[in-house]
Protein backbone atom coordinates (compact mmCIF):
# COMPACT_ATOMS: atom_id res chain seq x y z
CA UNK A 1 24.73 2.33 177.95
CA UNK A 2 21.69 1.49 180.08
CA UNK A 3 18.41 0.94 178.28
CA UNK A 4 15.14 2.55 179.49
CA UNK A 5 14.00 -0.47 181.38
CA UNK A 6 17.51 -1.11 182.99
CA UNK A 7 17.75 2.42 183.72
CA UNK A 8 13.89 2.20 185.68
CA UNK A 9 15.13 -0.92 187.80
CA UNK A 10 18.51 0.98 188.64
CA UNK A 11 16.03 4.03 189.99
CA UNK A 12 13.52 1.62 191.53
CA UNK A 13 16.48 0.10 193.60
CA UNK A 14 17.08 3.29 195.20
CA UNK A 15 13.93 4.21 196.45
CA UNK A 16 12.86 4.24 199.99
CA UNK A 17 9.75 2.11 201.34
CA UNK A 18 6.76 3.39 199.89
CA UNK A 19 4.28 5.19 202.23
CA UNK A 20 0.88 3.24 202.94
CA UNK A 21 -1.07 5.18 200.42
CA UNK A 22 1.02 3.76 197.51
CA UNK A 23 -0.91 0.70 196.44
CA UNK A 24 1.42 0.19 193.31
CA UNK A 25 4.97 1.98 193.15
CA UNK A 26 6.85 2.23 189.95
CA UNK A 27 7.09 -0.08 187.41
CA UNK A 28 3.42 -0.37 185.84
CA UNK A 29 1.61 1.56 183.37
CA UNK A 30 0.94 3.84 186.36
CA UNK A 31 1.43 4.13 189.78
CA UNK A 32 -1.52 3.50 192.10
CA UNK A 33 -2.72 5.83 195.17
CA UNK A 34 -5.14 5.06 197.88
CA UNK A 35 -6.76 8.58 198.85
CA UNK A 36 -9.41 8.35 201.29
CA UNK A 37 -11.70 5.57 200.12
CA UNK A 38 -10.63 6.01 196.23
CA UNK A 39 -7.85 4.61 194.27
CA UNK A 40 -6.01 7.21 191.65
CA UNK A 41 -3.62 6.12 189.11
CA UNK A 42 -0.53 8.70 188.50
CA UNK A 43 1.62 8.81 185.48
CA UNK A 44 3.70 10.84 183.36
CA UNK A 45 5.26 10.99 179.64
CA UNK A 46 7.46 13.45 178.20
CA UNK A 47 7.68 14.14 174.40
CA UNK A 48 11.24 15.78 173.04
CA UNK A 49 11.77 17.05 169.34
CA UNK A 50 14.38 14.99 167.60
CA UNK A 51 13.68 11.99 169.80
CA UNK A 52 9.89 11.68 169.58
CA UNK A 53 9.03 13.81 166.53
CA UNK A 54 10.73 16.06 163.99
CA UNK A 55 9.37 18.73 161.96
CA UNK A 56 6.58 17.31 160.26
CA UNK A 57 4.90 17.32 163.74
CA UNK A 58 3.13 20.50 164.18
CA UNK A 59 3.06 21.90 167.88
CA UNK A 60 -0.54 21.21 168.10
CA UNK A 61 -0.20 17.67 167.20
CA UNK A 62 2.75 17.40 169.81
CA UNK A 63 0.87 18.95 172.70
CA UNK A 64 -2.13 16.57 171.77
CA UNK A 65 -0.17 13.44 171.61
CA UNK A 66 1.70 14.10 174.93
CA UNK A 67 -1.95 14.22 176.47
CA UNK A 68 -3.20 11.01 174.50
CA UNK A 69 -0.21 9.02 175.65
CA UNK A 70 -0.66 9.73 179.14
CA UNK A 71 -4.67 8.85 178.54
CA UNK A 72 -3.68 5.66 177.14
CA UNK A 73 -1.78 4.57 180.46
CA UNK A 74 -4.74 4.90 182.56
CA UNK A 75 -6.85 3.05 180.14
CA UNK A 76 -4.43 0.13 180.33
CA UNK A 77 -5.08 0.27 184.19
CA UNK A 78 -8.73 0.27 183.93
CA UNK A 79 -9.31 3.94 184.62
CA UNK A 80 -10.96 6.98 183.91
CA UNK A 81 -8.72 9.76 183.14
CA UNK A 82 -9.52 12.87 185.16
CA UNK A 83 -6.69 15.47 185.47
CA UNK A 84 -3.47 16.61 184.19
CA UNK A 85 -0.34 18.91 184.55
CA UNK A 86 1.33 20.06 181.45
CA UNK A 87 4.72 21.60 181.40
CA UNK A 88 6.34 22.85 178.09
CA UNK A 89 8.88 24.84 176.26
CA UNK A 90 10.10 25.90 172.70
CA UNK A 91 12.70 28.30 171.44
CA UNK A 92 9.74 30.92 171.30
CA UNK A 93 6.62 31.77 173.18
CA UNK A 94 4.22 31.19 170.17
CA UNK A 95 5.23 27.81 169.42
CA UNK A 96 4.92 26.95 173.28
CA UNK A 97 1.39 28.47 173.02
CA UNK A 98 0.57 26.33 169.98
CA UNK A 99 1.61 23.16 171.98
CA UNK A 100 -0.55 24.03 174.63
CA UNK A 101 -3.52 24.81 172.56
CA UNK A 102 -3.03 20.99 171.30
CA UNK A 103 -3.02 20.15 175.21
CA UNK A 104 -6.21 21.86 175.66
CA UNK A 105 -7.73 20.32 172.65
CA UNK A 106 -6.79 16.92 173.57
CA UNK A 107 -8.23 17.44 177.30
CA UNK A 108 -11.80 18.63 175.87
CA UNK A 109 -11.33 15.09 173.63
CA UNK A 110 -10.63 12.74 176.29
CA UNK A 111 -12.82 14.69 179.29
CA UNK A 112 -9.68 15.69 181.40
CA UNK A 113 -9.05 18.71 183.34
CA UNK A 114 -6.12 20.49 183.13
CA UNK A 115 -4.78 21.74 186.54
CA UNK A 116 -2.05 23.77 185.29
CA UNK A 117 1.89 23.32 184.82
CA UNK A 118 4.87 25.45 183.66
CA UNK A 119 6.00 26.66 180.37
CA UNK A 120 10.00 27.64 179.76
CA UNK A 121 12.13 28.77 177.11
CA UNK A 122 14.26 25.54 175.46
CA UNK A 123 16.31 24.82 172.66
CA UNK A 124 13.71 22.44 171.16
CA UNK A 125 9.97 21.65 171.70
CA UNK A 126 9.64 19.61 174.81
CA UNK A 127 6.40 18.94 176.54
CA UNK A 128 5.96 17.01 179.49
CA UNK A 129 2.24 15.58 181.21
CA UNK A 130 1.35 14.05 184.30
CA UNK A 131 -1.97 12.61 184.92
CA UNK A 132 -4.22 11.52 187.40
CA UNK A 133 -6.77 8.69 186.78
CA UNK A 134 -9.44 7.20 188.79
CA UNK A 135 -10.41 3.44 189.39
CA UNK A 136 -13.69 1.96 190.07
CA UNK A 137 -12.14 -1.32 191.29
CA UNK A 138 -8.58 -2.63 191.66
CA UNK A 139 -6.22 -2.04 188.99
CA UNK A 140 -5.51 -4.50 186.36
CA UNK A 141 -1.70 -4.86 186.49
CA UNK A 142 0.90 -6.38 184.03
CA UNK A 143 1.56 -8.93 186.65
CA UNK A 144 -1.63 -10.62 186.55
CA UNK A 145 -1.16 -13.06 183.24
CA UNK A 146 -1.59 -17.13 183.85
CA UNK A 147 -0.70 -19.81 181.60
CA UNK A 148 -3.68 -20.85 179.65
CA UNK A 149 -4.97 -17.06 179.40
CA UNK A 150 -5.50 -15.73 175.92
CA UNK A 151 -3.77 -12.50 174.44
CA UNK A 152 -5.67 -10.06 172.81
CA UNK A 153 -5.31 -6.75 171.45
CA UNK A 154 -7.67 -3.71 170.69
CA UNK A 155 -7.86 -2.11 167.51
CA UNK A 156 -5.16 -2.39 164.77
CA UNK A 157 -1.45 -2.56 164.84
CA UNK A 158 1.28 -1.19 162.48
CA UNK A 159 -0.82 1.99 161.41
CA UNK A 160 1.37 4.62 163.63
CA UNK A 161 4.54 2.87 162.42
CA UNK A 162 3.24 3.17 158.77
CA UNK A 163 2.21 6.89 159.62
CA UNK A 164 5.83 7.60 160.70
CA UNK A 165 7.20 6.39 157.36
CA UNK A 166 5.01 8.47 155.36
CA UNK A 167 5.80 11.24 157.53
CA UNK A 168 9.77 10.49 157.06
CA UNK A 169 9.31 10.11 153.38
CA UNK A 170 7.80 13.80 152.92
CA UNK A 171 4.00 13.16 153.85
CA UNK A 172 3.11 11.48 150.40
CA UNK A 173 0.72 8.66 151.57
CA UNK A 174 -2.05 7.70 153.68
CA UNK A 175 -3.75 10.51 155.68
CA UNK A 176 -5.37 8.04 157.89
CA UNK A 177 -2.02 6.57 158.65
CA UNK A 178 -0.52 9.87 159.40
CA UNK A 179 -3.48 10.65 161.82
CA UNK A 180 -2.84 7.57 163.41
CA UNK A 181 0.81 8.43 164.33
CA UNK A 182 -0.03 12.25 165.31
CA UNK A 183 -3.10 11.72 167.22
CA UNK A 184 -3.38 8.15 168.55
CA UNK A 185 -6.77 6.89 170.03
CA UNK A 186 -6.55 5.67 173.61
CA UNK A 187 -8.69 2.67 174.17
CA UNK A 188 -10.42 4.17 177.71
CA UNK A 189 -13.67 2.26 177.05
CA UNK A 190 -12.05 -0.54 176.23
CA UNK A 191 -9.72 -0.60 179.20
CA UNK A 192 -12.61 0.03 181.52
CA UNK A 193 -14.82 -3.01 179.97
CA UNK A 194 -11.72 -5.46 180.11
CA UNK A 195 -11.43 -4.59 183.86
CA UNK A 196 -15.05 -4.67 184.70
CA UNK A 197 -15.03 -8.46 182.71
CA UNK A 198 -12.09 -9.83 184.58
CA UNK A 199 -8.84 -9.30 182.40
CA UNK A 200 -5.77 -10.68 184.31
CA UNK A 201 -3.45 -8.44 183.25
CA UNK A 202 -2.97 -5.18 180.62
CA UNK A 203 -0.27 -3.03 179.10
CA UNK A 204 -0.64 -0.04 176.55
CA UNK A 205 1.20 -0.84 173.37
CA UNK A 206 3.35 2.37 173.33
CA UNK A 207 6.96 0.45 172.40
CA UNK A 208 5.40 -2.18 170.28
CA UNK A 209 3.96 -5.55 170.83
CA UNK A 210 7.46 -7.58 170.78
CA UNK A 211 8.74 -5.27 173.66
CA UNK A 212 5.52 -4.82 175.48
CA UNK A 213 4.29 -8.36 175.63
CA UNK A 214 8.00 -9.27 177.12
CA UNK A 215 7.14 -6.84 180.19
CA UNK A 216 3.95 -8.56 180.84
CA UNK A 217 5.70 -11.82 180.82
CA UNK A 218 8.30 -10.74 182.79
CA UNK A 219 6.21 -9.14 185.76
CA UNK A 220 3.64 -12.37 185.10
CA UNK A 221 6.93 -15.09 185.33
CA UNK A 222 5.12 -16.66 182.48
CA UNK A 223 5.93 -16.90 178.75
CA UNK A 224 3.84 -16.34 175.71
CA UNK A 225 3.40 -17.47 172.17
CA UNK A 226 2.18 -15.10 169.40
CA UNK A 227 1.24 -15.88 166.08
CA UNK A 228 2.53 -12.81 163.81
CA UNK A 229 -0.35 -13.86 161.29
CA UNK A 230 -3.17 -12.93 163.59
CA UNK A 231 -1.93 -9.38 164.24
CA UNK A 232 -4.82 -6.90 163.07
CA UNK A 233 -3.38 -5.18 160.51
CA UNK A 234 -5.64 -2.87 158.19
CA UNK A 235 -5.59 -3.06 154.46
CA UNK A 236 -4.29 0.50 153.91
CA UNK A 237 -1.45 -0.13 156.28
CA UNK A 238 -0.46 -3.27 154.56
CA UNK A 239 -0.41 -1.93 151.02
CA UNK A 240 1.69 1.27 152.08
CA UNK A 241 4.25 -1.04 154.22
CA UNK A 242 4.51 -3.39 150.91
CA UNK A 243 5.04 -0.84 148.84
CA UNK A 244 7.95 0.97 151.21
CA UNK A 245 9.64 -2.68 151.14
CA UNK A 246 8.65 -3.37 154.70
CA UNK A 247 7.19 -6.65 156.15
CA UNK A 248 3.72 -5.88 157.70
CA UNK A 249 3.74 -8.23 160.29
CA UNK A 250 7.12 -7.16 161.52
CA UNK A 251 6.41 -3.63 161.75
CA UNK A 252 3.08 -4.30 163.57
CA UNK A 253 5.27 -6.44 166.07
CA UNK A 254 7.91 -3.72 166.29
CA UNK A 255 6.92 -0.51 165.49
CA UNK A 256 5.34 0.99 168.61
CA UNK A 257 3.28 3.99 169.09
CA UNK A 258 0.07 2.17 168.59
CA UNK A 259 -1.43 2.88 171.83
CA UNK A 260 -3.60 -0.11 171.89
CA UNK A 261 -4.27 -2.08 174.66
CA UNK A 262 -2.68 -5.62 175.06
CA UNK A 263 -5.07 -7.83 177.34
CA UNK A 264 -4.21 -11.08 179.13
CA UNK A 265 -7.63 -13.10 179.98
CA UNK A 266 -9.28 -16.27 180.31
CA UNK A 267 -11.17 -17.26 177.17
CA UNK A 268 -14.69 -16.84 178.59
CA UNK A 269 -13.51 -13.18 179.25
CA UNK A 270 -12.16 -12.56 175.92
CA UNK A 271 -15.32 -13.73 174.15
CA UNK A 272 -17.20 -11.41 176.52
CA UNK A 273 -15.12 -8.52 175.63
CA UNK A 274 -15.42 -9.31 171.88
CA UNK A 275 -19.18 -9.33 172.17
CA UNK A 276 -19.52 -6.05 174.04
CA UNK A 277 -16.60 -3.73 173.05
CA UNK A 278 -17.18 -1.10 170.35
CA UNK A 279 -13.50 -1.37 169.55
CA UNK A 280 -12.31 -4.43 167.69
CA UNK A 281 -10.72 -7.29 169.92
CA UNK A 282 -8.50 -9.75 168.35
CA UNK A 283 -7.00 -12.71 169.73
CA UNK A 284 -3.10 -12.97 168.78
CA UNK A 285 -1.76 -15.35 170.97
CA UNK A 286 -1.67 -16.81 174.47
CA UNK A 287 0.00 -17.27 177.64
CA UNK A 288 2.52 -20.19 178.14
CA UNK A 289 4.50 -21.61 181.08
CA UNK A 290 8.11 -20.26 180.02
CA UNK A 291 9.44 -18.52 177.00
CA UNK A 292 8.58 -15.59 174.77
CA UNK A 293 7.96 -17.09 171.21
CA UNK A 294 6.96 -15.43 168.12
CA UNK A 295 5.58 -17.72 165.01
CA UNK A 296 4.44 -17.17 161.37
CA UNK A 297 3.27 -20.13 159.40
CA UNK A 298 4.73 -22.38 162.48
CA UNK A 299 8.01 -21.25 162.06
CA UNK A 300 9.75 -19.53 164.96
CA UNK A 301 10.76 -15.35 164.38
CA UNK A 302 13.80 -14.49 165.95
CA UNK A 303 15.24 -10.91 166.94
CA UNK A 304 11.98 -9.18 167.33
CA UNK A 305 12.34 -6.11 169.82
CA UNK A 306 10.57 -2.68 169.64
CA UNK A 307 11.45 1.08 170.76
CA UNK A 308 14.23 1.71 173.32
CA UNK A 309 13.86 5.34 174.49
CA UNK A 310 17.70 5.36 174.85
CA UNK A 311 18.83 3.48 171.71
CA UNK A 312 16.48 5.21 169.49
CA UNK A 313 14.90 1.95 167.91
């Protein structure tokens, strides 16, 4: 069976040549369109019950998260989220309404205007959000990383995956970790600042650092070296993961749904970003000529990978 990115490559090969308004086609965090004198990002994400969440997520949380993950895609291009279209359905109208209440709450939180969408009956709760974002300069793509760039991440890693473990274990654990999973915080301000300062490449960490950094390297034609001991993991995340018998560094590298931003940039850009960003910025590695390598205590760590939307892990 094809994995998600093999499927995307297969679909991309069937597309006709893009019209002149398409600046960046399929394959990045967002597509980019030139409309008049302005550049706009466009993206969409879907959440499906049983695949992305289970009964432990309220309909309001699902609607909120569907908007947040799209906002994160815009942030990773250095854009400002502006408008959404939201479509959803469930087995009953009340659940659908509650989901859309979560969508509206997120729109208010992130300053996004809902243009409309569609609702329908469905066997399971499903919500799909499409977003338009506005760019003030050329977008930061996945393909711009160069050997010698530092690799840095915003915020923290592993908290969302730990929150998922709490939820799957019956909800006994850290309320903060649960919130990190159910209601992620897209890094719009950090993405804007990184773009203004001269970041070479960015990607939002939706499927896990181990998978997402490979996408940057593949599209940039480079390699990287990531030191797992440098990953920013909060104390409560470490404590919970260890109590659950999980290695914190491995979970932080592979767990996914952090919705932080991975940034490739020259050292001077990273230092300026660290000095000016309200969100913590942590250097976790560097871009190299070839090969994607993860190390810990000087030893190479093999077989790290993140979420696959068709394999389910």
